[in-house]
Protein backbone atom coordinates (compact mmCIF):
# COMPACT_ATOMS: atom_id res chain seq x y z
CA MET A 1 12.90 -5.21 -20.82
CA VAL A 2 13.52 -1.52 -20.16
CA ASP A 3 12.55 -0.22 -23.52
CA PHE A 4 9.41 -2.52 -23.26
CA VAL A 5 8.47 -1.12 -19.87
CA VAL A 6 9.06 2.70 -20.92
CA ALA A 7 7.02 2.11 -24.15
CA SER A 8 4.09 0.59 -21.90
CA ALA A 9 4.34 3.50 -19.68
CA LYS A 10 4.42 5.81 -22.70
CA ALA A 11 1.07 4.29 -23.90
CA TYR A 12 -0.64 4.41 -20.59
CA SER A 13 0.05 8.15 -20.50
CA CYS A 14 -2.27 8.35 -23.48
CA GLY A 15 -0.08 11.41 -24.80
CA SER A 16 0.02 13.12 -21.58
CA PRO A 17 2.09 16.40 -21.80
CA TYR A 18 3.36 15.46 -18.34
CA PHE A 19 5.05 12.18 -19.68
CA ASP A 20 8.72 12.38 -18.96
CA GLU A 21 10.45 9.55 -20.83
CA GLU A 22 13.99 10.31 -19.62
CA THR A 23 13.08 10.13 -16.04
CA THR A 24 10.72 7.01 -16.34
CA ARG A 25 13.50 5.53 -18.22
CA ALA A 26 15.96 6.03 -15.32
CA LEU A 27 13.42 4.71 -12.92
CA VAL A 28 13.09 1.61 -14.85
CA GLU A 29 16.66 0.91 -15.25
CA GLN A 30 17.05 1.18 -11.56
CA ASP A 31 14.16 -1.20 -10.95
CA VAL A 32 15.53 -3.83 -13.23
CA ALA A 33 18.86 -3.53 -11.98
CA ARG A 34 17.95 -4.10 -8.29
CA PRO A 35 18.32 -7.57 -6.73
CA ARG A 36 14.90 -9.53 -6.20
CA ASP A 37 13.82 -11.12 -3.00
CA LEU A 38 10.54 -12.91 -3.58
CA ALA A 39 9.94 -13.81 -0.12
CA ALA A 40 10.35 -10.20 0.84
CA THR A 41 7.93 -8.83 -1.66
CA LEU A 42 5.45 -11.42 -0.49
CA SER A 43 5.58 -10.23 3.18
CA THR A 44 5.80 -6.60 2.58
CA PRO A 45 2.55 -4.70 3.06
CA THR A 46 1.24 -3.03 -0.19
CA LEU A 47 -0.96 -0.20 -0.97
CA VAL A 48 -2.29 -0.21 -4.65
CA VAL A 49 -3.46 3.29 -5.90
CA HIS A 50 -5.33 2.67 -9.19
CA GLY A 51 -5.53 5.42 -11.68
CA ASP A 52 -2.22 6.89 -11.02
CA HIS A 53 0.10 5.14 -13.71
CA ASP A 54 1.21 8.33 -14.81
CA LEU A 55 0.83 10.84 -11.98
CA PRO A 56 2.28 14.21 -12.99
CA ARG A 57 5.15 15.25 -10.90
CA GLN A 58 3.26 18.67 -10.58
CA LEU A 59 0.69 16.77 -8.44
CA TRP A 60 3.11 15.10 -6.13
CA THR A 61 2.83 17.75 -3.55
CA THR A 62 -1.09 17.21 -3.27
CA PHE A 63 -0.79 13.43 -3.58
CA VAL A 64 2.17 12.28 -1.39
CA PRO A 65 0.83 14.05 1.73
CA ALA A 66 -2.55 12.69 1.37
CA LEU A 67 -0.91 9.09 0.73
CA LEU A 68 1.13 9.63 3.83
CA GLN A 69 -1.93 10.57 5.77
CA HIS A 70 -3.63 7.40 4.85
CA THR A 71 -0.59 4.99 5.43
CA GLY A 72 1.02 6.61 8.41
CA PRO A 73 0.77 6.01 11.97
CA PRO A 74 -2.66 7.23 13.57
CA PRO A 75 -2.84 10.56 15.05
CA THR A 76 -2.88 11.08 18.88
CA SER A 77 -5.79 12.64 20.73
CA THR A 78 -4.11 15.98 19.99
CA GLY A 79 -4.43 15.53 16.18
CA PHE A 80 -0.73 15.29 15.97
CA VAL A 81 1.15 12.16 15.05
CA LYS A 82 3.94 11.14 17.54
CA ARG A 83 7.27 10.41 15.94
CA THR A 84 9.54 7.85 17.37
CA GLU A 85 13.09 8.16 16.24
């Protein structure tokens, strides 16, 4: 299973120089090893981002803040997000 998923990810990368097979394999191994709770996955809100099958790590500093801006709590009237901890 792990080999298949890694090979698929590599194919999706279309020869991208950013594809990191070692890191991909480690993530897939963790994913395969974790327990499954189908009921939890059906009730968990999900955001699907198309076109980012192989988002290069170098772009994470741009992508992650944008993702958090769209999925985080709404800003207050001052433009700042209230943090509740």
